Amino acid sequence: MKKPIPILLLEDASNANASSEELRRGGVAHLPRRVAGREGFLGALREFKPELIVADYDAPGFGGMEALALARQSCPETPVILMAGALADGMAAEII
């Protein structure tokens, strides 16, 4: 049995558990920690020590780009996946 990967999920309440469920369906054994704001995100980086971060680009009040910047400062070796619905033209290139 694979050891569960600690994954930090930045998503608002309307998307709660959606990312975790998709990971589970994909066969990814993981230990999720969901946060919705900046303070919770920073606390989880320090205490939870995720091996992967999945962040909603459009999370209200604290989105994926800010989370990415903070993660790069605190734990630059941790991969970050930004999720987004529809993006305006050029936004994907800007994000990359």
N, C-alpha and C. Protein backbone atom coordinates (compact mmCIF):
# COMPACT_ATOMS: atom_id res chain seq x y z
N MET A 1 0.84 -1.19 0.00
CA MET A 1 0.00 0.00 0.00
C MET A 1 0.88 1.24 0.00
N LYS A 2 0.54 2.20 -0.86
CA LYS A 2 1.30 3.43 -0.97
C LYS A 2 1.05 4.33 0.23
N LYS A 3 2.10 5.03 0.62
CA LYS A 3 1.97 6.03 1.68
C LYS A 3 1.19 7.23 1.12
N PRO A 4 0.16 7.70 1.81
CA PRO A 4 -0.61 8.85 1.33
C PRO A 4 0.27 10.10 1.23
N ILE A 5 0.10 10.85 0.17
CA ILE A 5 0.83 12.09 -0.06
C ILE A 5 0.08 13.23 0.63
N PRO A 6 0.76 14.02 1.47
CA PRO A 6 0.08 15.18 2.05
C PRO A 6 -0.09 16.26 0.97
N ILE A 7 -1.35 16.59 0.67
CA ILE A 7 -1.66 17.56 -0.37
C ILE A 7 -2.46 18.71 0.24
N LEU A 8 -1.97 19.92 0.00
CA LEU A 8 -2.65 21.12 0.45
C LEU A 8 -3.56 21.61 -0.67
N LEU A 9 -4.84 21.77 -0.36
CA LEU A 9 -5.84 22.19 -1.34
C LEU A 9 -6.34 23.58 -0.99
N LEU A 10 -6.08 24.54 -1.86
CA LEU A 10 -6.61 25.89 -1.68
C LEU A 10 -7.84 26.00 -2.56
N GLU A 11 -9.01 25.95 -1.94
CA GLU A 11 -10.26 26.04 -2.68
C GLU A 11 -11.33 26.60 -1.77
N ASP A 12 -12.29 27.31 -2.38
CA ASP A 12 -13.35 27.89 -1.56
C ASP A 12 -14.39 26.84 -1.21
N ALA A 13 -15.32 27.20 -0.36
CA ALA A 13 -16.31 26.25 0.16
C ALA A 13 -17.17 25.65 -0.94
N SER A 14 -17.42 26.41 -2.02
CA SER A 14 -18.27 25.88 -3.09
C SER A 14 -17.59 24.73 -3.84
N ASN A 15 -16.26 24.66 -3.78
CA ASN A 15 -15.51 23.58 -4.43
C ASN A 15 -14.94 22.58 -3.44
N ALA A 16 -15.33 22.71 -2.18
CA ALA A 16 -14.76 21.86 -1.14
C ALA A 16 -14.84 20.39 -1.52
N ASN A 17 -13.73 19.73 -1.38
CA ASN A 17 -13.59 18.30 -1.61
C ASN A 17 -13.60 17.89 -3.08
N ALA A 18 -13.83 18.80 -4.02
CA ALA A 18 -13.86 18.44 -5.44
C ALA A 18 -12.49 17.95 -5.89
N SER A 19 -11.44 18.66 -5.53
CA SER A 19 -10.09 18.26 -5.94
C SER A 19 -9.70 16.94 -5.31
N SER A 20 -10.00 16.79 -4.04
CA SER A 20 -9.66 15.56 -3.34
C SER A 20 -10.38 14.36 -3.95
N GLU A 21 -11.63 14.55 -4.32
CA GLU A 21 -12.39 13.46 -4.93
C GLU A 21 -11.80 13.07 -6.29
N GLU A 22 -11.39 14.05 -7.08
CA GLU A 22 -10.77 13.75 -8.37
C GLU A 22 -9.46 13.00 -8.19
N LEU A 23 -8.66 13.41 -7.22
CA LEU A 23 -7.40 12.70 -6.92
C LEU A 23 -7.69 11.26 -6.51
N ARG A 24 -8.68 11.09 -5.68
CA ARG A 24 -9.06 9.76 -5.21
C ARG A 24 -9.50 8.89 -6.38
N ARG A 25 -10.32 9.46 -7.28
CA ARG A 25 -10.77 8.71 -8.46
C ARG A 25 -9.61 8.34 -9.37
N GLY A 26 -8.57 9.17 -9.37
CA GLY A 26 -7.39 8.91 -10.18
C GLY A 26 -6.42 7.94 -9.53
N GLY A 27 -6.76 7.45 -8.35
CA GLY A 27 -5.92 6.47 -7.68
C GLY A 27 -4.77 7.07 -6.89
N VAL A 28 -4.83 8.36 -6.60
CA VAL A 28 -3.77 9.02 -5.84
C VAL A 28 -4.08 8.91 -4.35
N ALA A 29 -3.29 8.12 -3.64
CA ALA A 29 -3.45 8.01 -2.19
C ALA A 29 -2.94 9.31 -1.58
N HIS A 30 -3.80 10.02 -0.88
CA HIS A 30 -3.40 11.31 -0.34
C HIS A 30 -4.10 11.62 0.97
N LEU A 31 -3.45 12.52 1.68
CA LEU A 31 -3.98 13.06 2.93
C LEU A 31 -4.25 14.54 2.66
N PRO A 32 -5.52 14.91 2.41
CA PRO A 32 -5.81 16.29 2.04
C PRO A 32 -5.93 17.22 3.24
N ARG A 33 -5.53 18.46 3.03
CA ARG A 33 -5.79 19.54 4.00
C ARG A 33 -6.35 20.69 3.17
N ARG A 34 -7.61 21.03 3.38
CA ARG A 34 -8.24 22.11 2.63
C ARG A 34 -8.20 23.40 3.41
N VAL A 35 -7.80 24.46 2.73
CA VAL A 35 -7.81 25.80 3.32
C VAL A 35 -8.48 26.74 2.32
N ALA A 36 -8.97 27.87 2.83
CA ALA A 36 -9.68 28.80 1.95
C ALA A 36 -9.07 30.19 1.95
N GLY A 37 -8.16 30.50 2.83
CA GLY A 37 -7.64 31.86 2.91
C GLY A 37 -6.14 31.90 3.14
N ARG A 38 -5.63 33.11 3.13
CA ARG A 38 -4.18 33.35 3.25
C ARG A 38 -3.60 32.80 4.55
N GLU A 39 -4.22 33.12 5.67
CA GLU A 39 -3.69 32.68 6.97
C GLU A 39 -3.70 31.16 7.09
N GLY A 40 -4.78 30.53 6.67
CA GLY A 40 -4.85 29.08 6.71
C GLY A 40 -3.80 28.45 5.80
N PHE A 41 -3.59 29.07 4.64
CA PHE A 41 -2.59 28.59 3.69
C PHE A 41 -1.19 28.66 4.30
N LEU A 42 -0.84 29.81 4.86
CA LEU A 42 0.48 29.98 5.47
C LEU A 42 0.68 29.02 6.64
N GLY A 43 -0.35 28.85 7.46
CA GLY A 43 -0.25 27.92 8.58
C GLY A 43 -0.04 26.49 8.11
N ALA A 44 -0.75 26.11 7.06
CA ALA A 44 -0.61 24.74 6.53
C ALA A 44 0.77 24.52 5.91
N LEU A 45 1.33 25.55 5.27
CA LEU A 45 2.69 25.41 4.73
C LEU A 45 3.68 25.09 5.85
N ARG A 46 3.51 25.76 6.99
CA ARG A 46 4.43 25.56 8.11
C ARG A 46 4.19 24.24 8.84
N GLU A 47 2.94 23.94 9.13
CA GLU A 47 2.62 22.81 10.01
C GLU A 47 2.34 21.50 9.27
N PHE A 48 1.65 21.57 8.15
CA PHE A 48 1.23 20.38 7.41
C PHE A 48 2.34 19.86 6.50
N LYS A 49 3.18 20.78 6.01
CA LYS A 49 4.30 20.45 5.14
C LYS A 49 3.87 19.58 3.96
N PRO A 50 3.06 20.15 3.05
CA PRO A 50 2.55 19.39 1.92
C PRO A 50 3.65 18.99 0.94
N GLU A 51 3.42 17.88 0.25
CA GLU A 51 4.32 17.45 -0.82
C GLU A 51 3.80 17.92 -2.17
N LEU A 52 2.57 18.42 -2.20
CA LEU A 52 1.94 18.97 -3.40
C LEU A 52 0.91 20.00 -2.96
N ILE A 53 0.81 21.07 -3.74
CA ILE A 53 -0.20 22.10 -3.49
C ILE A 53 -1.07 22.20 -4.74
N VAL A 54 -2.38 22.13 -4.54
CA VAL A 54 -3.35 22.33 -5.61
C VAL A 54 -4.15 23.57 -5.24
N ALA A 55 -4.06 24.61 -6.08
CA ALA A 55 -4.69 25.89 -5.75
C ALA A 55 -5.66 26.33 -6.83
N ASP A 56 -6.80 26.82 -6.40
CA ASP A 56 -7.80 27.39 -7.30
C ASP A 56 -7.33 28.78 -7.71
N TYR A 57 -7.14 28.98 -8.99
CA TYR A 57 -6.67 30.27 -9.51
C TYR A 57 -7.60 31.41 -9.10
N ASP A 58 -8.90 31.13 -9.09
CA ASP A 58 -9.90 32.17 -8.83
C ASP A 58 -10.51 32.12 -7.43
N ALA A 59 -9.82 31.53 -6.47
CA ALA A 59 -10.39 31.47 -5.11
C ALA A 59 -10.67 32.90 -4.62
N PRO A 60 -11.87 33.15 -4.11
CA PRO A 60 -12.22 34.50 -3.67
C PRO A 60 -11.34 35.00 -2.52
N GLY A 61 -10.83 36.21 -2.67
CA GLY A 61 -10.04 36.84 -1.61
C GLY A 61 -8.58 36.44 -1.56
N PHE A 62 -8.25 35.25 -2.00
CA PHE A 62 -6.87 34.77 -1.96
C PHE A 62 -6.76 33.69 -3.03
N GLY A 63 -6.19 34.05 -4.15
CA GLY A 63 -6.17 33.14 -5.28
C GLY A 63 -4.85 32.42 -5.49
N GLY A 64 -4.84 31.66 -6.54
CA GLY A 64 -3.71 30.79 -6.85
C GLY A 64 -2.40 31.50 -7.10
N MET A 65 -2.43 32.66 -7.74
CA MET A 65 -1.17 33.35 -8.03
C MET A 65 -0.49 33.84 -6.75
N GLU A 66 -1.26 34.36 -5.81
CA GLU A 66 -0.69 34.77 -4.53
C GLU A 66 -0.18 33.55 -3.75
N ALA A 67 -0.96 32.48 -3.81
CA ALA A 67 -0.54 31.23 -3.15
C ALA A 67 0.76 30.72 -3.75
N LEU A 68 0.87 30.78 -5.07
CA LEU A 68 2.09 30.34 -5.75
C LEU A 68 3.29 31.15 -5.28
N ALA A 69 3.14 32.46 -5.21
CA ALA A 69 4.24 33.32 -4.77
C ALA A 69 4.66 32.99 -3.33
N LEU A 70 3.70 32.79 -2.44
CA LEU A 70 4.02 32.46 -1.06
C LEU A 70 4.66 31.08 -0.94
N ALA A 71 4.17 30.13 -1.72
CA ALA A 71 4.75 28.78 -1.70
C ALA A 71 6.19 28.81 -2.20
N ARG A 72 6.46 29.61 -3.22
CA ARG A 72 7.83 29.71 -3.74
C ARG A 72 8.79 30.28 -2.70
N GLN A 73 8.30 31.13 -1.82
CA GLN A 73 9.13 31.69 -0.75
C GLN A 73 9.34 30.68 0.37
N SER A 74 8.28 30.00 0.76
CA SER A 74 8.32 29.11 1.93
C SER A 74 8.84 27.71 1.63
N CYS A 75 8.44 27.17 0.49
CA CYS A 75 8.82 25.80 0.16
C CYS A 75 8.99 25.67 -1.36
N PRO A 76 10.06 26.24 -1.89
CA PRO A 76 10.23 26.31 -3.35
C PRO A 76 10.32 24.95 -4.03
N GLU A 77 10.62 23.90 -3.30
CA GLU A 77 10.74 22.57 -3.89
C GLU A 77 9.38 21.87 -4.04
N THR A 78 8.33 22.41 -3.43
CA THR A 78 7.01 21.79 -3.47
C THR A 78 6.29 22.17 -4.77
N PRO A 79 5.86 21.16 -5.56
CA PRO A 79 5.14 21.48 -6.79
C PRO A 79 3.78 22.10 -6.50
N VAL A 80 3.37 23.02 -7.38
CA VAL A 80 2.08 23.70 -7.26
C VAL A 80 1.32 23.50 -8.57
N ILE A 81 0.08 23.05 -8.45
CA ILE A 81 -0.81 22.94 -9.61
C ILE A 81 -1.89 24.00 -9.44
N LEU A 82 -2.02 24.88 -10.45
CA LEU A 82 -3.07 25.88 -10.44
C LEU A 82 -4.23 25.38 -11.27
N MET A 83 -5.42 25.41 -10.69
CA MET A 83 -6.64 25.01 -11.40
C MET A 83 -7.42 26.25 -11.76
N ALA A 84 -8.02 26.21 -12.94
CA ALA A 84 -8.84 27.34 -13.37
C ALA A 84 -9.96 26.84 -14.25
N GLY A 85 -11.06 27.55 -14.21
CA GLY A 85 -12.14 27.29 -15.15
C GLY A 85 -11.74 27.92 -16.47
N ALA A 86 -12.63 28.63 -17.07
CA ALA A 86 -12.33 29.32 -18.32
C ALA A 86 -11.43 30.52 -18.04
N LEU A 87 -10.43 30.69 -18.90
CA LEU A 87 -9.52 31.82 -18.77
C LEU A 87 -9.67 32.74 -19.98
N ALA A 88 -9.50 34.03 -19.76
CA ALA A 88 -9.52 34.97 -20.86
C ALA A 88 -8.29 34.72 -21.74
N ASP A 89 -8.38 35.16 -22.99
CA ASP A 89 -7.26 35.01 -23.92
C ASP A 89 -5.97 35.54 -23.31
N GLY A 90 -4.93 34.78 -23.43
CA GLY A 90 -3.62 35.21 -22.95
C GLY A 90 -3.36 34.94 -21.48
N MET A 91 -4.38 34.63 -20.69
CA MET A 91 -4.18 34.42 -19.25
C MET A 91 -3.32 33.19 -18.98
N ALA A 92 -3.52 32.12 -19.71
CA ALA A 92 -2.72 30.90 -19.48
C ALA A 92 -1.25 31.19 -19.71
N ALA A 93 -0.92 31.91 -20.76
CA ALA A 93 0.47 32.26 -21.04
C ALA A 93 1.03 33.16 -19.94
N GLU A 94 0.24 34.09 -19.47
CA GLU A 94 0.68 34.98 -18.38
C GLU A 94 0.96 34.19 -17.10
N ILE A 95 0.11 33.22 -16.80
CA ILE A 95 0.28 32.41 -15.59
C ILE A 95 1.57 31.61 -15.65
N ILE A 96 1.82 31.02 -16.82
CA ILE A 96 3.04 30.20 -16.99
C ILE A 96 4.25 31.08 -16.86
